[in-house]
Amino acid sequence: MTRKKLRIGFIGAGSIGSLFGGYLANIKSDIYELEVIFFCMKEHKEAINTRGLRIHKNQDVKEIKNMLAYENEKILEENLEKDYSFRFDYIFLTTKTYDIEKAVLQYKKLIDVSNWLVILQNGIGNEDIVSKYLSKSKLIRVVTSSGAFLESPGNLIHTGDGFTKIGFPFLGDISKNRAELEEANMDLKILKELLQLAGLETQIVKDINKESWEKVFVNVGINAFGALANLKNGQLLESKGLKHLMGEAIEEAVQVAKMKKIQLSDKDFITETYNVAKRTSENKNSMLQDILNGMATEIDFINGRVLKYAKELGIKVPINELLTHLIKGLESSSI
């Protein structure tokens, strides 16, 4: 039986991009033949092309060599000029959120001839920025709680399994044509099947925007607090004052989501966030890691996005406003 050939790319293959891309490249299937391509930092590219990607999980190490890595888009753009049929079936956007516009513009020639751009990032509102430059009908959004840390070029630590949910952020813009809508749904099902084969438990959801918000509530309640206090997730819960403020920040975010008509689940998001902090008690969250490494953070797409939407709605979110400005001040002092 002839296997279905699929080409999958990862723009900004750092921690999460390498996790998903590495596991996809490691698939052994009688149905699919995958070509996985990373666009990443020079040192990571050289390590992958020389010896492959090593994914460390607990005491297990997977060595994956079935992929190619490039430092930028130039070589593949040259391929595109020679072969007009060249395209990615799915090209993932896995950069930090503050690099969305830069990445989309840099890789636009490749994205334009790809079937789907898959947004795999933290935060809310990402798809609104991407849709300024691309058709809403070719966007897929992925929300995951799986964790990873790029320890060194070519060496990735898989820090924890979690859920992965996929869907169309602009479902109403996919197509009015029934045949095209069925084809889009089939492509989404294939992506789910690939992620499942890769070992990433995946669910298709009708409202991926709701899932993005519900995940960001956890980030709102943990990330900035950990970064400002230089505390691991579990340590945040040891302070009654911090724990109370975490809840207040989440309450503000929930209020904004409801005013934006996001159809939220019937959950206690504050308790859920506390539980996440307990389960990941030894983790230094990604924002804290960014600050410690003297890097920019994704504050604008977490607490900062809550603040932006609140201003548009004409309501106050004082805790999120304070956190946003304090993190920006901390960035200025450390970068």
C-alpha atoms as a PDB file:
ATOM      1  CA  MET A   1       0.000   0.000   0.000  1.00  0.00           C
ATOM      2  CA  THR A   2       1.288   3.460  -0.928  1.00  0.00           C
ATOM      3  CA  ARG A   3       1.778   5.668   2.074  1.00  0.00           C
ATOM      4  CA  LYS A   4       0.378   9.211   2.094  1.00  0.00           C
ATOM      5  CA  LYS A   5       3.268  11.688   1.951  1.00  0.00           C
ATOM      6  CA  LEU A   6       2.992  14.731   4.198  1.00  0.00           C
ATOM      7  CA  ARG A   7       5.430  17.594   4.731  1.00  0.00           C
ATOM      8  CA  ILE A   8       5.283  19.319   8.130  1.00  0.00           C
ATOM      9  CA  GLY A   9       7.265  22.408   9.117  1.00  0.00           C
ATOM     10  CA  PHE A  10       7.997  24.148  12.421  1.00  0.00           C
ATOM     11  CA  ILE A  11       8.767  27.872  12.388  1.00  0.00           C
ATOM     12  CA  GLY A  12      10.703  28.747  15.530  1.00  0.00           C
ATOM     13  CA  ALA A  13      11.405  25.190  16.671  1.00  0.00           C
ATOM     14  CA  GLY A  14      12.490  25.781  20.245  1.00  0.00           C
ATOM     15  CA  SER A  15      11.094  23.839  23.196  1.00  0.00           C
ATOM     16  CA  ILE A  16       7.473  23.159  22.241  1.00  0.00           C
ATOM     17  CA  GLY A  17       8.155  23.069  18.495  1.00  0.00           C
ATOM     18  CA  SER A  18      10.941  20.528  18.974  1.00  0.00           C
ATOM     19  CA  LEU A  19       8.701  18.438  21.239  1.00  0.00           C
ATOM     20  CA  PHE A  20       5.857  18.187  18.729  1.00  0.00           C
ATOM     21  CA  GLY A  21       8.161  18.029  15.703  1.00  0.00           C
ATOM     22  CA  GLY A  22      10.430  15.433  17.248  1.00  0.00           C
ATOM     23  CA  TYR A  23       7.585  13.110  18.201  1.00  0.00           C
ATOM     24  CA  LEU A  24       5.982  13.526  14.760  1.00  0.00           C
ATOM     25  CA  ALA A  25       9.298  12.702  13.049  1.00  0.00           C
ATOM     26  CA  ASN A  26       9.518   9.583  15.214  1.00  0.00           C
ATOM     27  CA  ILE A  27       6.224   8.144  13.922  1.00  0.00           C
ATOM     28  CA  LYS A  28       6.352   4.667  12.415  1.00  0.00           C
ATOM     29  CA  SER A  29       3.273   4.272  10.218  1.00  0.00           C
ATOM     30  CA  ASP A  30       2.042   2.125   7.340  1.00  0.00           C
ATOM     31  CA  ILE A  31      -0.326   4.944   6.338  1.00  0.00           C
ATOM     32  CA  TYR A  32       1.776   8.104   6.466  1.00  0.00           C
ATOM     33  CA  GLU A  33       5.265   9.021   5.276  1.00  0.00           C
ATOM     34  CA  LEU A  34       6.317  12.240   6.993  1.00  0.00           C
ATOM     35  CA  GLU A  35       8.956  14.796   6.098  1.00  0.00           C
ATOM     36  CA  VAL A  36       9.547  17.021   9.128  1.00  0.00           C
ATOM     37  CA  ILE A  37      11.462  20.277   8.764  1.00  0.00           C
ATOM     38  CA  PHE A  38      12.601  22.595  11.566  1.00  0.00           C
ATOM     39  CA  PHE A  39      13.404  26.293  11.234  1.00  0.00           C
ATOM     40  CA  CYS A  40      15.422  27.142  14.313  1.00  0.00           C
ATOM     41  CA  MET A  41      18.499  28.734  15.858  1.00  0.00           C
ATOM     42  CA  LYS A  42      21.855  27.984  14.211  1.00  0.00           C
ATOM     43  CA  GLU A  43      23.262  25.861  17.070  1.00  0.00           C
ATOM     44  CA  HIS A  44      20.066  23.783  17.307  1.00  0.00           C
ATOM     45  CA  LYS A  45      20.054  23.319  13.523  1.00  0.00           C
ATOM     46  CA  GLU A  46      23.647  22.107  13.478  1.00  0.00           C
ATOM     47  CA  ALA A  47      23.057  19.666  16.342  1.00  0.00           C
ATOM     48  CA  ILE A  48      19.953  18.192  14.691  1.00  0.00           C
ATOM     49  CA  ASN A  49      21.540  17.846  11.261  1.00  0.00           C
ATOM     50  CA  THR A  50      24.688  16.308  12.770  1.00  0.00           C
ATOM     51  CA  ARG A  51      23.344  13.846  15.323  1.00  0.00           C
ATOM     52  CA  GLY A  52      19.563  14.283  15.452  1.00  0.00           C
ATOM     53  CA  LEU A  53      17.287  15.369  18.289  1.00  0.00           C
ATOM     54  CA  ARG A  54      17.422  13.730  21.708  1.00  0.00           C
ATOM     55  CA  ILE A  55      14.220  13.868  23.753  1.00  0.00           C
ATOM     56  CA  HIS A  56      14.758  13.071  27.448  1.00  0.00           C
ATOM     57  CA  LYS A  57      11.737  11.953  29.469  1.00  0.00           C
ATOM     58  CA  ASN A  58      12.303  10.605  32.964  1.00  0.00           C
ATOM     59  CA  GLN A  59      15.027   7.980  32.438  1.00  0.00           C
ATOM     60  CA  ASP A  60      14.198   7.395  28.774  1.00  0.00           C
ATOM     61  CA  VAL A  61      16.020   9.016  25.844  1.00  0.00           C
ATOM     62  CA  LYS A  62      14.666   8.988  22.298  1.00  0.00           C
ATOM     63  CA  GLU A  63      17.184   9.717  19.539  1.00  0.00           C
ATOM     64  CA  ILE A  64      15.350  11.015  16.468  1.00  0.00           C
ATOM     65  CA  LYS A  65      17.146  11.616  13.192  1.00  0.00           C
ATOM     66  CA  ASN A  66      14.290  11.615  10.691  1.00  0.00           C
ATOM     67  CA  MET A  67      14.165  15.405  10.194  1.00  0.00           C
ATOM     68  CA  LEU A  68      15.946  18.315   8.570  1.00  0.00           C
ATOM     69  CA  ALA A  69      16.722  21.686  10.126  1.00  0.00           C
ATOM     70  CA  TYR A  70      17.371  25.095   8.579  1.00  0.00           C
ATOM     71  CA  GLU A  71      18.403  28.392  10.103  1.00  0.00           C
ATOM     72  CA  ASN A  72      15.941  30.364   7.961  1.00  0.00           C
ATOM     73  CA  GLU A  73      13.630  30.154   4.966  1.00  0.00           C
ATOM     74  CA  LYS A  74      16.096  30.994   2.167  1.00  0.00           C
ATOM     75  CA  ILE A  75      16.992  27.512   0.867  1.00  0.00           C
ATOM     76  CA  LEU A  76      13.392  26.337   0.758  1.00  0.00           C
ATOM     77  CA  GLU A  77      12.277  29.536  -0.950  1.00  0.00           C
ATOM     78  CA  GLU A  78      14.826  28.676  -3.662  1.00  0.00           C
ATOM     79  CA  ASN A  79      13.273  25.199  -3.890  1.00  0.00           C
ATOM     80  CA  LEU A  80       9.886  26.832  -4.284  1.00  0.00           C
ATOM     81  CA  GLU A  81      11.129  28.847  -7.269  1.00  0.00           C
ATOM     82  CA  LYS A  82      12.358  25.647  -8.949  1.00  0.00           C
ATOM     83  CA  ASP A  83       9.386  23.453  -8.027  1.00  0.00           C
ATOM     84  CA  TYR A  84       6.007  25.188  -7.966  1.00  0.00           C
ATOM     85  CA  SER A  85       4.390  22.084  -6.447  1.00  0.00           C
ATOM     86  CA  PHE A  86       6.510  22.399  -3.267  1.00  0.00           C
ATOM     87  CA  ARG A  87       4.331  22.997  -0.218  1.00  0.00           C
ATOM     88  CA  PHE A  88       3.856  22.143   3.447  1.00  0.00           C
ATOM     89  CA  ASP A  89       0.700  20.289   4.372  1.00  0.00           C
ATOM     90  CA  TYR A  90       0.925  21.737   7.887  1.00  0.00           C
ATOM     91  CA  ILE A  91       3.354  24.439   8.940  1.00  0.00           C
ATOM     92  CA  PHE A  92       3.425  25.128  12.680  1.00  0.00           C
ATOM     93  CA  LEU A  93       4.075  28.564  14.162  1.00  0.00           C
ATOM     94  CA  THR A  94       5.912  27.860  17.436  1.00  0.00           C
ATOM     95  CA  THR A  95       7.846  31.088  18.012  1.00  0.00           C
ATOM     96  CA  LYS A  96       7.472  33.167  21.145  1.00  0.00           C
ATOM     97  CA  THR A  97       4.301  35.246  20.879  1.00  0.00           C
ATOM     98  CA  TYR A  98       6.145  38.556  20.591  1.00  0.00           C
ATOM     99  CA  ASP A  99       7.703  37.296  17.333  1.00  0.00           C
ATOM    100  CA  ILE A 100       4.404  36.437  15.596  1.00  0.00           C
ATOM    101  CA  GLU A 101       4.383  39.273  13.049  1.00  0.00           C
ATOM    102  CA  LYS A 102       8.094  39.030  12.323  1.00  0.00           C
ATOM    103  CA  ALA A 103       7.870  35.258  11.748  1.00  0.00           C
ATOM    104  CA  VAL A 104       4.746  35.397   9.580  1.00  0.00           C
ATOM    105  CA  LEU A 105       6.262  38.077   7.354  1.00  0.00           C
ATOM    106  CA  GLN A 106       9.641  36.319   7.145  1.00  0.00           C
ATOM    107  CA  TYR A 107       8.127  32.950   6.172  1.00  0.00           C
ATOM    108  CA  LYS A 108       5.135  34.283   4.242  1.00  0.00           C
ATOM    109  CA  LYS A 109       6.163  32.819   0.868  1.00  0.00           C
ATOM    110  CA  LEU A 110       6.279  29.329   2.377  1.00  0.00           C
ATOM    111  CA  ILE A 111       3.118  29.874   4.426  1.00  0.00           C
ATOM    112  CA  ASP A 112       1.190  31.138   1.389  1.00  0.00           C
ATOM    113  CA  VAL A 113       1.749  27.893  -0.513  1.00  0.00           C
ATOM    114  CA  SER A 114       1.055  25.703   2.534  1.00  0.00           C
ATOM    115  CA  ASN A 115      -2.306  24.091   3.196  1.00  0.00           C
ATOM    116  CA  TRP A 116      -2.537  25.049   6.877  1.00  0.00           C
ATOM    117  CA  LEU A 117      -0.767  27.322   9.337  1.00  0.00           C
ATOM    118  CA  VAL A 118      -1.001  25.740  12.790  1.00  0.00           C
ATOM    119  CA  ILE A 119      -0.605  28.183  15.699  1.00  0.00           C
ATOM    120  CA  LEU A 120       1.011  26.384  18.654  1.00  0.00           C
ATOM    121  CA  GLN A 121       1.775  29.107  21.202  1.00  0.00           C
ATOM    122  CA  ASN A 122       0.855  30.453  24.611  1.00  0.00           C
ATOM    123  CA  GLY A 123      -1.559  33.322  25.016  1.00  0.00           C
ATOM    124  CA  ILE A 124      -4.811  34.653  23.597  1.00  0.00           C
ATOM    125  CA  GLY A 125      -5.470  36.764  20.519  1.00  0.00           C
ATOM    126  CA  ASN A 126      -2.586  35.233  18.527  1.00  0.00           C
ATOM    127  CA  GLU A 127      -4.841  34.307  15.605  1.00  0.00           C
ATOM    128  CA  ASP A 128      -6.076  37.904  15.333  1.00  0.00           C
ATOM    129  CA  ILE A 129      -2.553  39.072  14.576  1.00  0.00           C
ATOM    130  CA  VAL A 130      -1.843  36.235  12.131  1.00  0.00           C
ATOM    131  CA  SER A 131      -5.121  36.881  10.284  1.00  0.00           C
ATOM    132  CA  LYS A 132      -3.919  40.373   9.325  1.00  0.00           C
ATOM    133  CA  TYR A 133      -1.569  38.685   6.859  1.00  0.00           C
ATOM    134  CA  LEU A 134      -3.259  35.359   6.025  1.00  0.00           C
ATOM    135  CA  SER A 135      -6.692  34.063   5.207  1.00  0.00           C
ATOM    136  CA  LYS A 136      -8.631  33.077   8.326  1.00  0.00           C
ATOM    137  CA  SER A 137      -9.709  29.955   6.440  1.00  0.00           C
ATOM    138  CA  LYS A 138      -6.236  28.353   6.596  1.00  0.00           C
ATOM    139  CA  LEU A 139      -5.622  28.673  10.343  1.00  0.00           C
ATOM    140  CA  ILE A 140      -5.643  25.894  12.939  1.00  0.00           C
ATOM    141  CA  ARG A 141      -5.020  26.584  16.623  1.00  0.00           C
ATOM    142  CA  VAL A 142      -3.443  24.123  19.076  1.00  0.00           C
ATOM    143  CA  VAL A 143      -3.672  24.435  22.859  1.00  0.00           C
ATOM    144  CA  THR A 144      -1.494  22.113  24.914  1.00  0.00           C
ATOM    145  CA  SER A 145      -0.486  21.635  28.520  1.00  0.00           C
ATOM    146  CA  SER A 146       2.479  19.411  27.612  1.00  0.00           C
ATOM    147  CA  GLY A 147       5.743  20.863  28.832  1.00  0.00           C
ATOM    148  CA  ALA A 148       9.260  20.912  27.416  1.00  0.00           C
ATOM    149  CA  PHE A 149      12.578  22.609  28.030  1.00  0.00           C
ATOM    150  CA  LEU A 150      15.408  22.916  25.502  1.00  0.00           C
ATOM    151  CA  GLU A 151      18.353  22.109  27.735  1.00  0.00           C
ATOM    152  CA  SER A 152      20.978  22.572  25.009  1.00  0.00           C
ATOM    153  CA  PRO A 153      21.094  22.448  21.193  1.00  0.00           C
ATOM    154  CA  GLY A 154      19.740  19.055  20.132  1.00  0.00           C
ATOM    155  CA  ASN A 155      18.738  18.066  23.692  1.00  0.00           C
ATOM    156  CA  LEU A 156      15.135  18.474  24.795  1.00  0.00           C
ATOM    157  CA  ILE A 157      13.654  17.672  28.200  1.00  0.00           C
ATOM    158  CA  HIS A 158      10.009  16.544  28.039  1.00  0.00           C
ATOM    159  CA  THR A 159       8.942  17.885  31.430  1.00  0.00           C
ATOM    160  CA  GLY A 160       5.383  16.633  31.483  1.00  0.00           C
ATOM    161  CA  ASP A 161       2.504  15.089  29.531  1.00  0.00           C
ATOM    162  CA  GLY A 162      -0.698  16.997  29.183  1.00  0.00           C
ATOM    163  CA  PHE A 163      -3.763  17.524  27.016  1.00  0.00           C
ATOM    164  CA  THR A 164      -3.624  18.774  23.429  1.00  0.00           C
ATOM    165  CA  LYS A 165      -6.699  20.307  21.803  1.00  0.00           C
ATOM    166  CA  ILE A 166      -7.034  21.446  18.188  1.00  0.00           C
ATOM    167  CA  GLY A 167      -9.633  23.382  16.232  1.00  0.00           C
ATOM    168  CA  PHE A 168     -10.382  26.205  13.823  1.00  0.00           C
ATOM    169  CA  PRO A 169     -10.155  29.638  15.510  1.00  0.00           C
ATOM    170  CA  PHE A 170     -12.319  31.143  12.748  1.00  0.00           C
ATOM    171  CA  LEU A 171     -14.697  28.259  12.110  1.00  0.00           C
ATOM    172  CA  GLY A 172     -17.229  30.487  10.358  1.00  0.00           C
ATOM    173  CA  ASP A 173     -14.593  31.579   7.848  1.00  0.00           C
ATOM    174  CA  ILE A 174     -13.510  28.093   6.724  1.00  0.00           C
ATOM    175  CA  SER A 175     -15.966  27.826   3.829  1.00  0.00           C
ATOM    176  CA  LYS A 176     -19.611  28.078   2.892  1.00  0.00           C
ATOM    177  CA  ASN A 177     -18.994  25.276   0.416  1.00  0.00           C
ATOM    178  CA  ARG A 178     -19.907  21.895   1.895  1.00  0.00           C
ATOM    179  CA  ALA A 179     -17.217  19.983  -0.022  1.00  0.00           C
ATOM    180  CA  GLU A 180     -14.481  22.418   1.085  1.00  0.00           C
ATOM    181  CA  LEU A 181     -15.704  22.287   4.690  1.00  0.00           C
ATOM    182  CA  GLU A 182     -15.603  18.482   4.640  1.00  0.00           C
ATOM    183  CA  GLU A 183     -12.068  18.599   3.229  1.00  0.00           C
ATOM    184  CA  ALA A 184     -10.991  21.011   5.981  1.00  0.00           C
ATOM    185  CA  ASN A 185     -12.504  18.759   8.641  1.00  0.00           C
ATOM    186  CA  MET A 186     -10.700  15.774   7.133  1.00  0.00           C
ATOM    187  CA  ASP A 187      -7.374  17.661   7.305  1.00  0.00           C
ATOM    188  CA  LEU A 188      -8.085  18.428  10.974  1.00  0.00           C
ATOM    189  CA  LYS A 189      -8.813  14.742  11.615  1.00  0.00           C
ATOM    190  CA  ILE A 190      -5.534  13.777   9.905  1.00  0.00           C
ATOM    191  CA  LEU A 191      -3.648  16.227  12.127  1.00  0.00           C
ATOM    192  CA  LYS A 192      -5.313  14.706  15.183  1.00  0.00           C
ATOM    193  CA  GLU A 193      -4.393  11.212  13.987  1.00  0.00           C
ATOM    194  CA  LEU A 194      -0.762  12.250  13.441  1.00  0.00           C
ATOM    195  CA  LEU A 195      -0.490  13.785  16.905  1.00  0.00           C
ATOM    196  CA  GLN A 196      -2.047  10.678  18.428  1.00  0.00           C
ATOM    197  CA  LEU A 197       0.449   8.492  16.555  1.00  0.00           C
ATOM    198  CA  ALA A 198       3.178  10.759  17.920  1.00  0.00           C
ATOM    199  CA  GLY A 199       2.056   9.931  21.459  1.00  0.00           C
ATOM    200  CA  LEU A 200       0.358  13.277  22.118  1.00  0.00           C
ATOM    201  CA  GLU A 201      -3.183  12.677  23.402  1.00  0.00           C
ATOM    202  CA  THR A 202      -5.262  14.976  21.182  1.00  0.00           C
ATOM    203  CA  GLN A 203      -8.878  16.080  20.988  1.00  0.00           C
ATOM    204  CA  ILE A 204     -10.710  18.066  18.291  1.00  0.00           C
ATOM    205  CA  VAL A 205     -12.832  20.817  19.839  1.00  0.00           C
ATOM    206  CA  LYS A 206     -15.506  23.041  18.321  1.00  0.00           C
ATOM    207  CA  ASP A 207     -14.464  26.154  20.247  1.00  0.00           C
ATOM    208  CA  ILE A 208     -10.680  26.361  20.391  1.00  0.00           C
ATOM    209  CA  ASN A 209     -10.870  30.020  21.475  1.00  0.00           C
ATOM    210  CA  LYS A 210     -12.582  28.957  24.709  1.00  0.00           C
ATOM    211  CA  GLU A 211      -9.758  26.483  25.292  1.00  0.00           C
ATOM    212  CA  SER A 212      -7.167  29.218  24.706  1.00  0.00           C
ATOM    213  CA  TRP A 213      -8.825  31.420  27.311  1.00  0.00           C
ATOM    214  CA  GLU A 214      -9.195  28.639  29.854  1.00  0.00           C
ATOM    215  CA  LYS A 215      -5.526  27.753  29.520  1.00  0.00           C
ATOM    216  CA  VAL A 216      -4.504  31.404  29.819  1.00  0.00           C
ATOM    217  CA  PHE A 217      -6.361  31.705  33.144  1.00  0.00           C
ATOM    218  CA  VAL A 218      -3.721  29.356  34.583  1.00  0.00           C
ATOM    219  CA  ASN A 219      -0.923  31.442  33.052  1.00  0.00           C
ATOM    220  CA  VAL A 220      -2.522  34.641  34.398  1.00  0.00           C
ATOM    221  CA  GLY A 221      -2.550  33.128  37.879  1.00  0.00           C
ATOM    222  CA  ILE A 222       0.968  31.709  37.902  1.00  0.00           C
ATOM    223  CA  ASN A 223       3.456  33.122  35.396  1.00  0.00           C
ATOM    224  CA  ALA A 224       3.884  36.772  36.327  1.00  0.00           C
ATOM    225  CA  PHE A 225       3.727  36.013  40.054  1.00  0.00           C
ATOM    226  CA  GLY A 226       6.457  33.405  39.763  1.00  0.00           C
ATOM    227  CA  ALA A 227       8.585  35.712  37.626  1.00  0.00           C
ATOM    228  CA  LEU A 228       8.253  38.676  39.990  1.00  0.00           C
ATOM    229  CA  ALA A 229       8.785  36.682  43.195  1.00  0.00           C
ATOM    230  CA  ASN A 230      11.415  34.336  41.711  1.00  0.00           C
ATOM    231  CA  LEU A 231       9.473  31.370  43.082  1.00  0.00           C
ATOM    232  CA  LYS A 232       8.686  27.913  41.768  1.00  0.00           C
ATOM    233  CA  ASN A 233       5.010  27.181  41.116  1.00  0.00           C
ATOM    234  CA  GLY A 234       4.454  25.316  44.369  1.00  0.00           C
ATOM    235  CA  GLN A 235       6.163  27.994  46.451  1.00  0.00           C
ATOM    236  CA  LEU A 236       3.596  30.569  45.305  1.00  0.00           C
ATOM    237  CA  LEU A 237       0.910  28.703  47.242  1.00  0.00           C
ATOM    238  CA  GLU A 238       2.878  28.961  50.485  1.00  0.00           C
ATOM    239  CA  SER A 239       2.173  32.693  50.680  1.00  0.00           C
ATOM    240  CA  LYS A 240      -1.416  33.575  51.630  1.00  0.00           C
ATOM    241  CA  GLY A 241      -0.989  37.026  50.136  1.00  0.00           C
ATOM    242  CA  LEU A 242       0.319  35.781  46.791  1.00  0.00           C
ATOM    243  CA  LYS A 243      -2.280  33.032  46.652  1.00  0.00           C
ATOM    244  CA  HIS A 244      -5.043  35.587  47.200  1.00  0.00           C
ATOM    245  CA  LEU A 245      -3.679  37.885  44.484  1.00  0.00           C
ATOM    246  CA  MET A 246      -3.392  34.962  42.052  1.00  0.00           C
ATOM    247  CA  GLY A 247      -7.122  34.391  42.536  1.00  0.00           C
ATOM    248  CA  GLU A 248      -7.895  38.079  42.052  1.00  0.00           C
ATOM    249  CA  ALA A 249      -5.969  38.176  38.755  1.00  0.00           C
ATOM    250  CA  ILE A 250      -7.864  35.128  37.489  1.00  0.00           C
ATOM    251  CA  GLU A 251     -11.227  36.624  38.524  1.00  0.00           C
ATOM    252  CA  GLU A 252     -10.416  39.722  36.460  1.00  0.00           C
ATOM    253  CA  ALA A 253      -9.506  37.614  33.428  1.00  0.00           C
ATOM    254  CA  VAL A 254     -12.696  35.542  33.738  1.00  0.00           C
ATOM    255  CA  GLN A 255     -14.762  38.728  33.874  1.00  0.00           C
ATOM    256  CA  VAL A 256     -13.132  39.992  30.667  1.00  0.00           C
ATOM    257  CA  ALA A 257     -13.715  36.657  28.913  1.00  0.00           C
ATOM    258  CA  LYS A 258     -17.404  36.667  29.861  1.00  0.00           C
ATOM    259  CA  MET A 259     -17.817  40.240  28.630  1.00  0.00           C
ATOM    260  CA  LYS A 260     -16.261  39.152  25.338  1.00  0.00           C
ATOM    261  CA  LYS A 261     -18.956  36.436  25.113  1.00  0.00           C
ATOM    262  CA  ILE A 262     -16.485  33.548  25.470  1.00  0.00           C
ATOM    263  CA  GLN A 263     -18.552  30.463  26.339  1.00  0.00           C
ATOM    264  CA  LEU A 264     -16.537  29.212  29.310  1.00  0.00           C
ATOM    265  CA  SER A 265     -16.816  25.824  30.994  1.00  0.00           C
ATOM    266  CA  ASP A 266     -18.521  25.567  34.352  1.00  0.00           C
ATOM    267  CA  LYS A 267     -15.262  25.298  36.292  1.00  0.00           C
ATOM    268  CA  ASP A 268     -13.639  26.924  39.280  1.00  0.00           C
ATOM    269  CA  PHE A 269     -10.636  28.354  37.434  1.00  0.00           C
ATOM    270  CA  ILE A 270      -8.962  29.575  40.610  1.00  0.00           C
ATOM    271  CA  THR A 271      -8.995  26.138  42.242  1.00  0.00           C
ATOM    272  CA  GLU A 272      -7.870  24.598  38.960  1.00  0.00           C
ATOM    273  CA  THR A 273      -4.894  26.982  38.846  1.00  0.00           C
ATOM    274  CA  TYR A 274      -3.927  26.144  42.427  1.00  0.00           C
ATOM    275  CA  ASN A 275      -4.072  22.455  41.498  1.00  0.00           C
ATOM    276  CA  VAL A 276      -1.824  23.027  38.475  1.00  0.00           C
ATOM    277  CA  ALA A 277       0.656  24.858  40.702  1.00  0.00           C
ATOM    278  CA  LYS A 278       0.642  21.878  43.098  1.00  0.00           C
ATOM    279  CA  ARG A 279       1.123  19.322  40.325  1.00  0.00           C
ATOM    280  CA  THR A 280       4.001  21.340  38.881  1.00  0.00           C
ATOM    281  CA  SER A 281       5.349  22.458  42.240  1.00  0.00           C
ATOM    282  CA  GLU A 282       9.026  22.162  41.270  1.00  0.00           C
ATOM    283  CA  ASN A 283       8.643  24.005  37.946  1.00  0.00           C
ATOM    284  CA  LYS A 284      10.034  27.427  37.272  1.00  0.00           C
ATOM    285  CA  ASN A 285       7.412  28.741  34.876  1.00  0.00           C
ATOM    286  CA  SER A 286       8.421  29.935  31.397  1.00  0.00           C
ATOM    287  CA  MET A 287       8.111  33.630  32.262  1.00  0.00           C
ATOM    288  CA  LEU A 288      10.415  33.227  35.241  1.00  0.00           C
ATOM    289  CA  GLN A 289      12.878  31.360  33.027  1.00  0.00           C
ATOM    290  CA  ASP A 290      12.745  34.178  30.463  1.00  0.00           C
ATOM    291  CA  ILE A 291      13.483  36.790  33.143  1.00  0.00           C
ATOM    292  CA  LEU A 292      16.326  34.734  34.613  1.00  0.00           C
ATOM    293  CA  ASN A 293      17.797  34.346  31.119  1.00  0.00           C
ATOM    294  CA  GLY A 294      17.536  38.062  30.386  1.00  0.00           C
ATOM    295  CA  MET A 295      14.953  37.508  27.644  1.00  0.00           C
ATOM    296  CA  ALA A 296      11.687  39.200  26.721  1.00  0.00           C
ATOM    297  CA  THR A 297       8.542  37.553  28.109  1.00  0.00           C
ATOM    298  CA  GLU A 298       5.120  36.760  26.658  1.00  0.00           C
ATOM    299  CA  ILE A 299       3.360  39.104  29.103  1.00  0.00           C
ATOM    300  CA  ASP A 300       1.593  40.990  26.282  1.00  0.00           C
ATOM    301  CA  PHE A 301      -0.344  37.852  25.331  1.00  0.00           C
ATOM    302  CA  ILE A 302      -1.226  36.825  28.886  1.00  0.00           C
ATOM    303  CA  ASN A 303      -1.924  39.492  31.558  1.00  0.00           C
ATOM    304  CA  GLY A 304      -1.238  42.220  29.013  1.00  0.00           C
ATOM    305  CA  ARG A 305      -3.863  40.854  26.642  1.00  0.00           C
ATOM    306  CA  VAL A 306      -6.395  40.762  29.481  1.00  0.00           C
ATOM    307  CA  LEU A 307      -5.527  44.425  30.138  1.00  0.00           C
ATOM    308  CA  LYS A 308      -5.869  45.344  26.445  1.00  0.00           C
ATOM    309  CA  TYR A 309      -9.300  43.745  26.152  1.00  0.00           C
ATOM    310  CA  ALA A 310     -10.412  45.295  29.456  1.00  0.00           C
ATOM    311  CA  LYS A 311      -9.538  48.771  28.176  1.00  0.00           C
ATOM    312  CA  GLU A 312     -11.523  48.102  25.004  1.00  0.00           C
ATOM    313  CA  LEU A 313     -14.473  47.023  27.148  1.00  0.00           C
ATOM    314  CA  GLY A 314     -14.131  50.015  29.466  1.00  0.00           C
ATOM    315  CA  ILE A 315     -13.517  48.027  32.654  1.00  0.00           C
ATOM    316  CA  LYS A 316     -10.704  47.984  35.211  1.00  0.00           C
ATOM    317  CA  VAL A 317      -8.388  45.035  35.865  1.00  0.00           C
ATOM    318  CA  PRO A 318      -5.987  46.537  38.430  1.00  0.00           C
ATOM    319  CA  ILE A 319      -4.102  43.338  39.339  1.00  0.00           C
ATOM    320  CA  ASN A 320      -3.426  42.417  35.708  1.00  0.00           C
ATOM    321  CA  GLU A 321      -2.486  46.011  34.921  1.00  0.00           C
ATOM    322  CA  LEU A 322       0.005  46.081  37.803  1.00  0.00           C
ATOM    323  CA  LEU A 323       1.487  42.693  36.861  1.00  0.00           C
ATOM    324  CA  THR A 324       1.873  43.730  33.214  1.00  0.00           C
ATOM    325  CA  HIS A 325       3.758  46.926  34.024  1.00  0.00           C
ATOM    326  CA  LEU A 326       5.920  45.306  36.692  1.00  0.00           C
ATOM    327  CA  ILE A 327       6.985  42.534  34.289  1.00  0.00           C
ATOM    328  CA  LYS A 328       7.762  45.102  31.596  1.00  0.00           C
ATOM    329  CA  GLY A 329       9.859  46.992  34.120  1.00  0.00           C
ATOM    330  CA  LEU A 330      11.652  43.794  35.069  1.00  0.00           C
ATOM    331  CA  GLU A 331      12.310  43.053  31.385  1.00  0.00           C
ATOM    332  CA  SER A 332      13.876  46.478  30.975  1.00  0.00           C
ATOM    333  CA  SER A 333      16.211  45.888  33.908  1.00  0.00           C
ATOM    334  CA  SER A 334      17.310  42.390  32.845  1.00  0.00           C
ATOM    335  CA  ILE A 335      17.525  42.443  29.054  1.00  0.00           C
END
